[in-house]
Full PDB file with SEQRES, HELIX, SHEET, SSBOND, CRYST1, ORIGX, SCALE, CONECT and MASTER records, all heavy atoms in Angstrom:
SEQRES   1 A   36  PHE THR ILE CYS ARG ASP THR ALA LYS ASN THR VAL TYR          
SEQRES   2 A   36  LEU GLN MET ASN SER LEU LYS SER GLU ASP THR ALA VAL          
SEQRES   3 A   36  TYR TYR CYS ALA ALA ARG ASP ARG ASP GLY                      
HELIX    1 AA1 THR A    7  LYS A    9  5                                   3    
HELIX    2 AA2 SER A   21  ASP A   23  5                                   3    
SHEET    1 AA1 2 THR A   2  ASP A   6  0                                        
SHEET    2 AA1 2 THR A  11  GLN A  15 -1                                        
CRYST1    1.000    1.000    1.000  90.00  90.00  90.00 P 1           1          
ORIGX1      1.000000  0.000000  0.000000        0.00000                         
ORIGX2      0.000000  1.000000  0.000000        0.00000                         
ORIGX3      0.000000  0.000000  1.000000        0.00000                         
SCALE1      1.000000  0.000000  0.000000        0.00000                         
SCALE2      0.000000  1.000000  0.000000        0.00000                         
SCALE3      0.000000  0.000000  1.000000        0.00000                         
ATOM      1  N   PHE A   1      17.364  -6.416 -16.471  1.00  0.00           N  
ATOM      2  CA  PHE A   1      17.277  -7.413 -15.415  1.00  0.00           C  
ATOM      3  C   PHE A   1      18.631  -7.833 -14.942  1.00  0.00           C  
ATOM      4  O   PHE A   1      19.619  -7.826 -15.729  1.00  0.00           O  
ATOM      5  CB  PHE A   1      16.524  -8.655 -15.937  1.00  0.00           C  
ATOM      6  CG  PHE A   1      15.079  -8.497 -16.189  1.00  0.00           C  
ATOM      7  CD1 PHE A   1      14.467  -7.258 -16.202  1.00  0.00           C  
ATOM      8  CD2 PHE A   1      14.265  -9.614 -16.445  1.00  0.00           C  
ATOM      9  CE1 PHE A   1      13.115  -7.076 -16.487  1.00  0.00           C  
ATOM     10  CE2 PHE A   1      12.958  -9.481 -16.729  1.00  0.00           C  
ATOM     11  CZ  PHE A   1      12.339  -8.200 -16.747  1.00  0.00           C  
ATOM     12  N   THR A   2      18.761  -8.163 -13.653  1.00  0.00           N  
ATOM     13  CA  THR A   2      19.985  -8.652 -13.079  1.00  0.00           C  
ATOM     14  C   THR A   2      19.732  -9.855 -12.195  1.00  0.00           C  
ATOM     15  O   THR A   2      18.839  -9.821 -11.345  1.00  0.00           O  
ATOM     16  CB  THR A   2      20.685  -7.562 -12.257  1.00  0.00           C  
ATOM     17  OG1 THR A   2      20.902  -6.386 -13.060  1.00  0.00           O  
ATOM     18  CG2 THR A   2      21.989  -8.053 -11.718  1.00  0.00           C  
ATOM     19  N   ILE A   3      20.499 -10.920 -12.396  1.00  0.00           N  
ATOM     20  CA  ILE A   3      20.436 -12.086 -11.541  1.00  0.00           C  
ATOM     21  C   ILE A   3      21.583 -12.129 -10.552  1.00  0.00           C  
ATOM     22  O   ILE A   3      22.724 -11.771 -10.943  1.00  0.00           O  
ATOM     23  CB  ILE A   3      20.397 -13.402 -12.387  1.00  0.00           C  
ATOM     24  CG1 ILE A   3      20.171 -14.639 -11.474  1.00  0.00           C  
ATOM     25  CG2 ILE A   3      21.701 -13.568 -13.208  1.00  0.00           C  
ATOM     26  CD1 ILE A   3      19.931 -15.924 -12.249  1.00  0.00           C  
ATOM     27  N   CYS A   4      21.336 -12.481  -9.331  1.00  0.00           N  
ATOM     28  CA  CYS A   4      22.407 -12.587  -8.341  1.00  0.00           C  
ATOM     29  C   CYS A   4      22.057 -13.685  -7.313  1.00  0.00           C  
ATOM     30  O   CYS A   4      20.948 -14.137  -7.247  1.00  0.00           O  
ATOM     31  CB  CYS A   4      22.722 -11.235  -7.692  1.00  0.00           C  
ATOM     32  SG  CYS A   4      21.297 -10.573  -6.756  1.00  0.00           S  
ATOM     33  N   ARG A   5      23.057 -14.034  -6.526  1.00  0.00           N  
ATOM     34  CA  ARG A   5      22.924 -15.130  -5.582  1.00  0.00           C  
ATOM     35  C   ARG A   5      23.473 -14.708  -4.217  1.00  0.00           C  
ATOM     36  O   ARG A   5      24.546 -14.078  -4.119  1.00  0.00           O  
ATOM     37  CB  ARG A   5      23.634 -16.365  -6.086  1.00  0.00           C  
ATOM     38  CG  ARG A   5      23.759 -17.509  -5.125  1.00  0.00           C  
ATOM     39  CD  ARG A   5      24.767 -18.538  -5.681  1.00  0.00           C  
ATOM     40  NE  ARG A   5      24.140 -19.734  -6.165  1.00  0.00           N  
ATOM     41  CZ  ARG A   5      24.383 -20.277  -7.365  1.00  0.00           C  
ATOM     42  NH1 ARG A   5      25.249 -19.661  -8.179  1.00  0.00           N  
ATOM     43  NH2 ARG A   5      23.770 -21.378  -7.742  1.00  0.00           N  
ATOM     44  N   ASP A   6      22.760 -15.059  -3.138  1.00  0.00           N  
ATOM     45  CA  ASP A   6      23.248 -14.861  -1.800  1.00  0.00           C  
ATOM     46  C   ASP A   6      23.404 -16.285  -1.224  1.00  0.00           C  
ATOM     47  O   ASP A   6      22.405 -16.887  -0.731  1.00  0.00           O  
ATOM     48  CB  ASP A   6      22.321 -14.033  -0.945  1.00  0.00           C  
ATOM     49  CG  ASP A   6      22.846 -13.728   0.447  1.00  0.00           C  
ATOM     50  OD1 ASP A   6      23.717 -14.441   0.910  1.00  0.00           O  
ATOM     51  OD2 ASP A   6      22.417 -12.659   1.010  1.00  0.00           O  
ATOM     52  N   THR A   7      24.591 -16.798  -1.265  1.00  0.00           N  
ATOM     53  CA  THR A   7      24.825 -18.191  -0.819  1.00  0.00           C  
ATOM     54  C   THR A   7      24.456 -18.424   0.670  1.00  0.00           C  
ATOM     55  O   THR A   7      23.945 -19.457   1.034  1.00  0.00           O  
ATOM     56  CB  THR A   7      26.314 -18.594  -1.062  1.00  0.00           C  
ATOM     57  OG1 THR A   7      26.646 -18.405  -2.450  1.00  0.00           O  
ATOM     58  CG2 THR A   7      26.565 -20.003  -0.652  1.00  0.00           C  
ATOM     59  N   ALA A   8      24.775 -17.420   1.493  1.00  0.00           N  
ATOM     60  CA  ALA A   8      24.512 -17.544   2.927  1.00  0.00           C  
ATOM     61  C   ALA A   8      23.045 -17.694   3.195  1.00  0.00           C  
ATOM     62  O   ALA A   8      22.626 -18.343   4.213  1.00  0.00           O  
ATOM     63  CB  ALA A   8      25.068 -16.334   3.657  1.00  0.00           C  
ATOM     64  N   LYS A   9      22.203 -17.129   2.392  1.00  0.00           N  
ATOM     65  CA  LYS A   9      20.751 -17.230   2.553  1.00  0.00           C  
ATOM     66  C   LYS A   9      20.076 -18.216   1.634  1.00  0.00           C  
ATOM     67  O   LYS A   9      18.861 -18.304   1.639  1.00  0.00           O  
ATOM     68  CB  LYS A   9      20.097 -15.819   2.314  1.00  0.00           C  
ATOM     69  CG  LYS A   9      20.570 -14.760   3.300  1.00  0.00           C  
ATOM     70  CD  LYS A   9      19.858 -13.427   3.030  1.00  0.00           C  
ATOM     71  CE  LYS A   9      20.323 -12.382   4.012  1.00  0.00           C  
ATOM     72  NZ  LYS A   9      19.954 -12.739   5.424  1.00  0.00           N  
ATOM     73  N   ASN A  10      20.855 -18.982   0.892  1.00  0.00           N  
ATOM     74  CA  ASN A  10      20.321 -19.975  -0.064  1.00  0.00           C  
ATOM     75  C   ASN A  10      19.263 -19.369  -0.953  1.00  0.00           C  
ATOM     76  O   ASN A  10      18.231 -19.966  -1.220  1.00  0.00           O  
ATOM     77  CB  ASN A  10      19.727 -21.161   0.722  1.00  0.00           C  
ATOM     78  CG  ASN A  10      20.795 -22.041   1.349  1.00  0.00           C  
ATOM     79  OD1 ASN A  10      21.983 -21.768   1.261  1.00  0.00           O  
ATOM     80  ND2 ASN A  10      20.343 -23.109   1.976  1.00  0.00           N  
ATOM     81  N   THR A  11      19.550 -18.174  -1.442  1.00  0.00           N  
ATOM     82  CA  THR A  11      18.543 -17.425  -2.242  1.00  0.00           C  
ATOM     83  C   THR A  11      19.152 -16.903  -3.530  1.00  0.00           C  
ATOM     84  O   THR A  11      20.259 -16.347  -3.545  1.00  0.00           O  
ATOM     85  CB  THR A  11      17.982 -16.263  -1.385  1.00  0.00           C  
ATOM     86  OG1 THR A  11      17.378 -16.779  -0.225  1.00  0.00           O  
ATOM     87  CG2 THR A  11      16.931 -15.480  -2.172  1.00  0.00           C  
ATOM     88  N   VAL A  12      18.395 -16.968  -4.595  1.00  0.00           N  
ATOM     89  CA  VAL A  12      18.707 -16.337  -5.882  1.00  0.00           C  
ATOM     90  C   VAL A  12      17.692 -15.277  -6.132  1.00  0.00           C  
ATOM     91  O   VAL A  12      16.493 -15.436  -5.929  1.00  0.00           O  
ATOM     92  CB  VAL A  12      18.739 -17.405  -7.010  1.00  0.00           C  
ATOM     93  CG1 VAL A  12      18.958 -16.726  -8.349  1.00  0.00           C  
ATOM     94  CG2 VAL A  12      19.800 -18.439  -6.747  1.00  0.00           C  
ATOM     95  N   TYR A  13      18.159 -14.119  -6.654  1.00  0.00           N  
ATOM     96  CA  TYR A  13      17.314 -12.985  -6.932  1.00  0.00           C  
ATOM     97  C   TYR A  13      17.252 -12.646  -8.392  1.00  0.00           C  
ATOM     98  O   TYR A  13      18.186 -12.890  -9.139  1.00  0.00           O  
ATOM     99  CB  TYR A  13      17.790 -11.746  -6.147  1.00  0.00           C  
ATOM    100  CG  TYR A  13      18.056 -11.989  -4.697  1.00  0.00           C  
ATOM    101  CD1 TYR A  13      19.300 -12.319  -4.236  1.00  0.00           C  
ATOM    102  CD2 TYR A  13      17.059 -11.770  -3.789  1.00  0.00           C  
ATOM    103  CE1 TYR A  13      19.542 -12.536  -2.880  1.00  0.00           C  
ATOM    104  CE2 TYR A  13      17.227 -11.961  -2.406  1.00  0.00           C  
ATOM    105  CZ  TYR A  13      18.513 -12.329  -1.977  1.00  0.00           C  
ATOM    106  OH  TYR A  13      18.739 -12.515  -0.628  1.00  0.00           O  
ATOM    107  N   LEU A  14      16.151 -12.054  -8.781  1.00  0.00           N  
ATOM    108  CA  LEU A  14      16.040 -11.471 -10.109  1.00  0.00           C  
ATOM    109  C   LEU A  14      15.540 -10.048  -9.935  1.00  0.00           C  
ATOM    110  O   LEU A  14      14.373  -9.835  -9.588  1.00  0.00           O  
ATOM    111  CB  LEU A  14      15.107 -12.264 -11.021  1.00  0.00           C  
ATOM    112  CG  LEU A  14      14.959 -11.738 -12.470  1.00  0.00           C  
ATOM    113  CD1 LEU A  14      16.292 -11.932 -13.194  1.00  0.00           C  
ATOM    114  CD2 LEU A  14      13.824 -12.399 -13.202  1.00  0.00           C  
ATOM    115  N   GLN A  15      16.431  -9.056 -10.156  1.00  0.00           N  
ATOM    116  CA  GLN A  15      16.021  -7.665 -10.084  1.00  0.00           C  
ATOM    117  C   GLN A  15      15.580  -7.223 -11.454  1.00  0.00           C  
ATOM    118  O   GLN A  15      16.324  -7.282 -12.415  1.00  0.00           O  
ATOM    119  CB  GLN A  15      17.222  -6.805  -9.630  1.00  0.00           C  
ATOM    120  CG  GLN A  15      16.889  -5.319  -9.537  1.00  0.00           C  
ATOM    121  CD  GLN A  15      15.922  -5.011  -8.465  1.00  0.00           C  
ATOM    122  OE1 GLN A  15      15.985  -5.508  -7.349  1.00  0.00           O  
ATOM    123  NE2 GLN A  15      14.890  -4.183  -8.815  1.00  0.00           N  
ATOM    124  N   MET A  16      14.340  -6.747 -11.543  1.00  0.00           N  
ATOM    125  CA  MET A  16      13.730  -6.362 -12.808  1.00  0.00           C  
ATOM    126  C   MET A  16      13.467  -4.851 -12.763  1.00  0.00           C  
ATOM    127  O   MET A  16      12.705  -4.386 -11.932  1.00  0.00           O  
ATOM    128  CB  MET A  16      12.448  -7.090 -13.059  1.00  0.00           C  
ATOM    129  CG  MET A  16      12.646  -8.639 -13.004  1.00  0.00           C  
ATOM    130  SD  MET A  16      11.105  -9.532 -13.409  1.00  0.00           S  
ATOM    131  CE  MET A  16      10.125  -9.084 -12.029  1.00  0.00           C  
ATOM    132  N   ASN A  17      14.077  -4.088 -13.660  1.00  0.00           N  
ATOM    133  CA  ASN A  17      13.928  -2.683 -13.812  1.00  0.00           C  
ATOM    134  C   ASN A  17      13.334  -2.324 -15.113  1.00  0.00           C  
ATOM    135  O   ASN A  17      13.394  -3.086 -16.092  1.00  0.00           O  
ATOM    136  CB  ASN A  17      15.241  -1.964 -13.575  1.00  0.00           C  
ATOM    137  CG  ASN A  17      15.854  -2.194 -12.237  1.00  0.00           C  
ATOM    138  OD1 ASN A  17      15.124  -2.317 -11.230  1.00  0.00           O  
ATOM    139  ND2 ASN A  17      17.193  -2.275 -12.172  1.00  0.00           N  
ATOM    140  N   SER A  18      12.812  -1.119 -15.239  1.00  0.00           N  
ATOM    141  CA  SER A  18      12.246  -0.605 -16.506  1.00  0.00           C  
ATOM    142  C   SER A  18      11.290  -1.601 -17.131  1.00  0.00           C  
ATOM    143  O   SER A  18      11.366  -1.913 -18.319  1.00  0.00           O  
ATOM    144  CB  SER A  18      13.384  -0.280 -17.452  1.00  0.00           C  
ATOM    145  OG  SER A  18      14.238   0.706 -16.913  1.00  0.00           O  
ATOM    146  N   LEU A  19      10.366  -2.102 -16.311  1.00  0.00           N  
ATOM    147  CA  LEU A  19       9.473  -3.165 -16.763  1.00  0.00           C  
ATOM    148  C   LEU A  19       8.525  -2.680 -17.843  1.00  0.00           C  
ATOM    149  O   LEU A  19       8.080  -1.497 -17.867  1.00  0.00           O  
ATOM    150  CB  LEU A  19       8.654  -3.680 -15.559  1.00  0.00           C  
ATOM    151  CG  LEU A  19       9.471  -4.611 -14.641  1.00  0.00           C  
ATOM    152  CD1 LEU A  19       8.802  -4.728 -13.305  1.00  0.00           C  
ATOM    153  CD2 LEU A  19       9.632  -5.989 -15.296  1.00  0.00           C  
ATOM    154  N   LYS A  20       8.232  -3.619 -18.755  1.00  0.00           N  
ATOM    155  CA  LYS A  20       7.299  -3.366 -19.907  1.00  0.00           C  
ATOM    156  C   LYS A  20       6.141  -4.286 -19.799  1.00  0.00           C  
ATOM    157  O   LYS A  20       6.223  -5.363 -19.158  1.00  0.00           O  
ATOM    158  CB  LYS A  20       8.069  -3.588 -21.239  1.00  0.00           C  
ATOM    159  CG  LYS A  20       9.352  -2.838 -21.380  1.00  0.00           C  
ATOM    160  CD  LYS A  20      10.072  -3.266 -22.643  1.00  0.00           C  
ATOM    161  CE  LYS A  20      11.393  -2.553 -22.833  1.00  0.00           C  
ATOM    162  NZ  LYS A  20      12.106  -2.999 -24.053  1.00  0.00           N  
ATOM    163  N   SER A  21       5.077  -3.976 -20.517  1.00  0.00           N  
ATOM    164  CA  SER A  21       3.876  -4.850 -20.576  1.00  0.00           C  
ATOM    165  C   SER A  21       4.279  -6.213 -21.086  1.00  0.00           C  
ATOM    166  O   SER A  21       3.691  -7.253 -20.628  1.00  0.00           O  
ATOM    167  CB  SER A  21       2.813  -4.255 -21.452  1.00  0.00           C  
ATOM    168  OG  SER A  21       2.327  -3.053 -20.912  1.00  0.00           O  
ATOM    169  N   GLU A  22       5.240  -6.310 -21.995  1.00  0.00           N  
ATOM    170  CA  GLU A  22       5.685  -7.562 -22.561  1.00  0.00           C  
ATOM    171  C   GLU A  22       6.393  -8.471 -21.547  1.00  0.00           C  
ATOM    172  O   GLU A  22       6.602  -9.628 -21.841  1.00  0.00           O  
ATOM    173  CB  GLU A  22       6.589  -7.275 -23.743  1.00  0.00           C  
ATOM    174  CG  GLU A  22       5.908  -6.666 -24.950  1.00  0.00           C  
ATOM    175  CD  GLU A  22       5.633  -5.183 -24.773  1.00  0.00           C  
ATOM    176  OE1 GLU A  22       6.269  -4.509 -23.909  1.00  0.00           O  
ATOM    177  OE2 GLU A  22       4.744  -4.661 -25.489  1.00  0.00           O  
ATOM    178  N   ASP A  23       6.733  -7.938 -20.382  1.00  0.00           N  
ATOM    179  CA  ASP A  23       7.363  -8.751 -19.334  1.00  0.00           C  
ATOM    180  C   ASP A  23       6.333  -9.531 -18.509  1.00  0.00           C  
ATOM    181  O   ASP A  23       6.690 -10.337 -17.675  1.00  0.00           O  
ATOM    182  CB  ASP A  23       8.210  -7.834 -18.412  1.00  0.00           C  
ATOM    183  CG  ASP A  23       9.362  -7.183 -19.120  1.00  0.00           C  
ATOM    184  OD1 ASP A  23      10.027  -7.875 -19.930  1.00  0.00           O  
ATOM    185  OD2 ASP A  23       9.633  -5.997 -18.827  1.00  0.00           O  
ATOM    186  N   THR A  24       5.071  -9.273 -18.746  1.00  0.00           N  
ATOM    187  CA  THR A  24       3.992  -9.995 -17.972  1.00  0.00           C  
ATOM    188  C   THR A  24       4.071 -11.457 -18.299  1.00  0.00           C  
ATOM    189  O   THR A  24       4.021 -11.917 -19.427  1.00  0.00           O  
ATOM    190  CB  THR A  24       2.636  -9.445 -18.358  1.00  0.00           C  
ATOM    191  OG1 THR A  24       2.566  -8.051 -17.977  1.00  0.00           O  
ATOM    192  CG2 THR A  24       1.526 -10.216 -17.688  1.00  0.00           C  
ATOM    193  N   ALA A  25       4.181 -12.251 -17.248  1.00  0.00           N  
ATOM    194  CA  ALA A  25       4.295 -13.728 -17.376  1.00  0.00           C  
ATOM    195  C   ALA A  25       4.364 -14.398 -15.989  1.00  0.00           C  
ATOM    196  O   ALA A  25       4.540 -13.657 -15.004  1.00  0.00           O  
ATOM    197  CB  ALA A  25       5.567 -14.101 -18.172  1.00  0.00           C  
ATOM    198  N   VAL A  26       4.315 -15.678 -15.971  1.00  0.00           N  
ATOM    199  CA  VAL A  26       4.681 -16.432 -14.779  1.00  0.00           C  
ATOM    200  C   VAL A  26       6.201 -16.640 -14.818  1.00  0.00           C  
ATOM    201  O   VAL A  26       6.694 -17.184 -15.810  1.00  0.00           O  
ATOM    202  CB  VAL A  26       3.934 -17.792 -14.681  1.00  0.00           C  
ATOM    203  CG1 VAL A  26       4.398 -18.553 -13.453  1.00  0.00           C  
ATOM    204  CG2 VAL A  26       2.439 -17.509 -14.605  1.00  0.00           C  
ATOM    205  N   TYR A  27       6.885 -16.318 -13.766  1.00  0.00           N  
ATOM    206  CA  TYR A  27       8.323 -16.488 -13.714  1.00  0.00           C  
ATOM    207  C   TYR A  27       8.712 -17.684 -12.889  1.00  0.00           C  
ATOM    208  O   TYR A  27       8.215 -17.872 -11.777  1.00  0.00           O  
ATOM    209  CB  TYR A  27       8.990 -15.191 -13.138  1.00  0.00           C  
ATOM    210  CG  TYR A  27       9.031 -14.050 -14.093  1.00  0.00           C  
ATOM    211  CD1 TYR A  27       7.875 -13.424 -14.496  1.00  0.00           C  
ATOM    212  CD2 TYR A  27      10.207 -13.619 -14.658  1.00  0.00           C  
ATOM    213  CE1 TYR A  27       7.904 -12.406 -15.423  1.00  0.00           C  
ATOM    214  CE2 TYR A  27      10.272 -12.623 -15.576  1.00  0.00           C  
ATOM    215  CZ  TYR A  27       9.125 -11.985 -15.988  1.00  0.00           C  
ATOM    216  OH  TYR A  27       9.155 -10.962 -16.901  1.00  0.00           O  
ATOM    217  N   TYR A  28       9.595 -18.513 -13.415  1.00  0.00           N  
ATOM    218  CA  TYR A  28      10.039 -19.755 -12.807  1.00  0.00           C  
ATOM    219  C   TYR A  28      11.532 -19.735 -12.454  1.00  0.00           C  
ATOM    220  O   TYR A  28      12.336 -19.306 -13.304  1.00  0.00           O  
ATOM    221  CB  TYR A  28       9.749 -20.945 -13.681  1.00  0.00           C  
ATOM    222  CG  TYR A  28       8.301 -21.153 -14.004  1.00  0.00           C  
ATOM    223  CD1 TYR A  28       7.673 -20.583 -15.116  1.00  0.00           C  
ATOM    224  CD2 TYR A  28       7.566 -21.981 -13.183  1.00  0.00           C  
ATOM    225  CE1 TYR A  28       6.339 -20.781 -15.372  1.00  0.00           C  
ATOM    226  CE2 TYR A  28       6.187 -22.192 -13.437  1.00  0.00           C  
ATOM    227  CZ  TYR A  28       5.591 -21.603 -14.549  1.00  0.00           C  
ATOM    228  OH  TYR A  28       4.268 -21.810 -14.837  1.00  0.00           O  
ATOM    229  N   CYS A  29      11.852 -20.218 -11.329  1.00  0.00           N  
ATOM    230  CA  CYS A  29      13.241 -20.443 -10.897  1.00  0.00           C  
ATOM    231  C   CYS A  29      13.642 -21.874 -11.222  1.00  0.00           C  
ATOM    232  O   CYS A  29      12.786 -22.800 -11.065  1.00  0.00           O  
ATOM    233  CB  CYS A  29      13.395 -20.168  -9.426  1.00  0.00           C  
ATOM    234  SG  CYS A  29      15.020 -20.385  -8.764  1.00  0.00           S  
ATOM    235  N   ALA A  30      14.863 -22.131 -11.671  1.00  0.00           N  
ATOM    236  CA  ALA A  30      15.300 -23.454 -12.078  1.00  0.00           C  
ATOM    237  C   ALA A  30      16.703 -23.712 -11.558  1.00  0.00           C  
ATOM    238  O   ALA A  30      17.504 -22.732 -11.450  1.00  0.00           O  
ATOM    239  CB  ALA A  30      15.235 -23.631 -13.595  1.00  0.00           C  
ATOM    240  N   ALA A  31      17.047 -24.956 -11.288  1.00  0.00           N  
ATOM    241  CA  ALA A  31      18.366 -25.352 -10.810  1.00  0.00           C  
ATOM    242  C   ALA A  31      18.884 -26.547 -11.582  1.00  0.00           C  
ATOM    243  O   ALA A  31      18.112 -27.424 -11.922  1.00  0.00           O  
ATOM    244  CB  ALA A  31      18.322 -25.656  -9.317  1.00  0.00           C  
ATOM    245  N   ARG A  32      20.192 -26.543 -11.853  1.00  0.00           N  
ATOM    246  CA  ARG A  32      20.872 -27.619 -12.534  1.00  0.00           C  
ATOM    247  C   ARG A  32      21.924 -28.212 -11.568  1.00  0.00           C  
ATOM    248  O   ARG A  32      22.696 -27.426 -11.038  1.00  0.00           O  
ATOM    249  CB  ARG A  32      21.537 -27.147 -13.817  1.00  0.00           C  
ATOM    250  CG  ARG A  32      22.417 -28.186 -14.532  1.00  0.00           C  
ATOM    251  CD  ARG A  32      23.124 -27.555 -15.691  1.00  0.00           C  
ATOM    252  NE  ARG A  32      24.116 -28.425 -16.235  1.00  0.00           N  
ATOM    253  CZ  ARG A  32      23.896 -29.213 -17.341  1.00  0.00           C  
ATOM    254  NH1 ARG A  32      22.734 -29.220 -17.979  1.00  0.00           N  
ATOM    255  NH2 ARG A  32      24.869 -29.974 -17.784  1.00  0.00           N  
ATOM    256  N   ASP A  33      21.885 -29.519 -11.368  1.00  0.00           N  
ATOM    257  CA  ASP A  33      22.871 -30.130 -10.475  1.00  0.00           C  
ATOM    258  C   ASP A  33      23.783 -31.137 -11.133  1.00  0.00           C  
ATOM    259  O   ASP A  33      24.560 -31.813 -10.493  1.00  0.00           O  
ATOM    260  CB  ASP A  33      22.202 -30.755  -9.242  1.00  0.00           C  
ATOM    261  CG  ASP A  33      21.427 -32.004  -9.590  1.00  0.00           C  
ATOM    262  OD1 ASP A  33      21.248 -32.276 -10.751  1.00  0.00           O  
ATOM    263  OD2 ASP A  33      20.993 -32.667  -8.585  1.00  0.00           O  
ATOM    264  N   ARG A  34      23.710 -31.242 -12.454  1.00  0.00           N  
ATOM    265  CA  ARG A  34      24.603 -32.143 -13.209  1.00  0.00           C  
ATOM    266  C   ARG A  34      26.025 -31.681 -13.212  1.00  0.00           C  
ATOM    267  O   ARG A  34      26.946 -32.466 -13.221  1.00  0.00           O  
ATOM    268  CB  ARG A  34      24.069 -32.385 -14.636  1.00  0.00           C  
ATOM    269  CG  ARG A  34      22.894 -33.319 -14.702  1.00  0.00           C  
ATOM    270  CD  ARG A  34      22.233 -33.298 -16.068  1.00  0.00           C  
ATOM    271  NE  ARG A  34      21.344 -32.198 -16.205  1.00  0.00           N  
ATOM    272  CZ  ARG A  34      20.820 -31.812 -17.402  1.00  0.00           C  
ATOM    273  NH1 ARG A  34      21.110 -32.503 -18.469  1.00  0.00           N  
ATOM    274  NH2 ARG A  34      20.013 -30.790 -17.449  1.00  0.00           N  
ATOM    275  N   ASP A  35      26.225 -30.366 -13.283  1.00  0.00           N  
ATOM    276  CA  ASP A  35      27.556 -29.762 -13.136  1.00  0.00           C  
ATOM    277  C   ASP A  35      27.324 -28.246 -12.842  1.00  0.00           C  
ATOM    278  O   ASP A  35      26.187 -27.810 -12.855  1.00  0.00           O  
ATOM    279  CB  ASP A  35      28.404 -29.986 -14.385  1.00  0.00           C  
ATOM    280  CG  ASP A  35      27.831 -29.346 -15.646  1.00  0.00           C  
ATOM    281  OD1 ASP A  35      27.485 -28.130 -15.555  1.00  0.00           O  
ATOM    282  OD2 ASP A  35      27.762 -30.042 -16.637  1.00  0.00           O  
ATOM    283  N   GLY A  36      28.409 -27.596 -12.595  1.00  0.00           N  
ATOM    284  CA  GLY A  36      28.311 -26.144 -12.256  1.00  0.00           C  
ATOM    285  C   GLY A  36      29.430 -25.346 -12.901  1.00  0.00           C  
ATOM    286  O   GLY A  36      29.908 -24.372 -12.350  1.00  0.00           O  
TER     287      GLY A  36                                                      
MASTER        0    0    0    2    2    0    0    6  286    1    0    3          
END                                                                             
């Protein structure tokens, strides 16, 4: 898996390759604004 960000599009991506049955789940995006 690879996470990346496109600031111009206000979008975060998760590229998932070589997927397995164990990867089955609900996936959630989260943000922290207390610091960076």
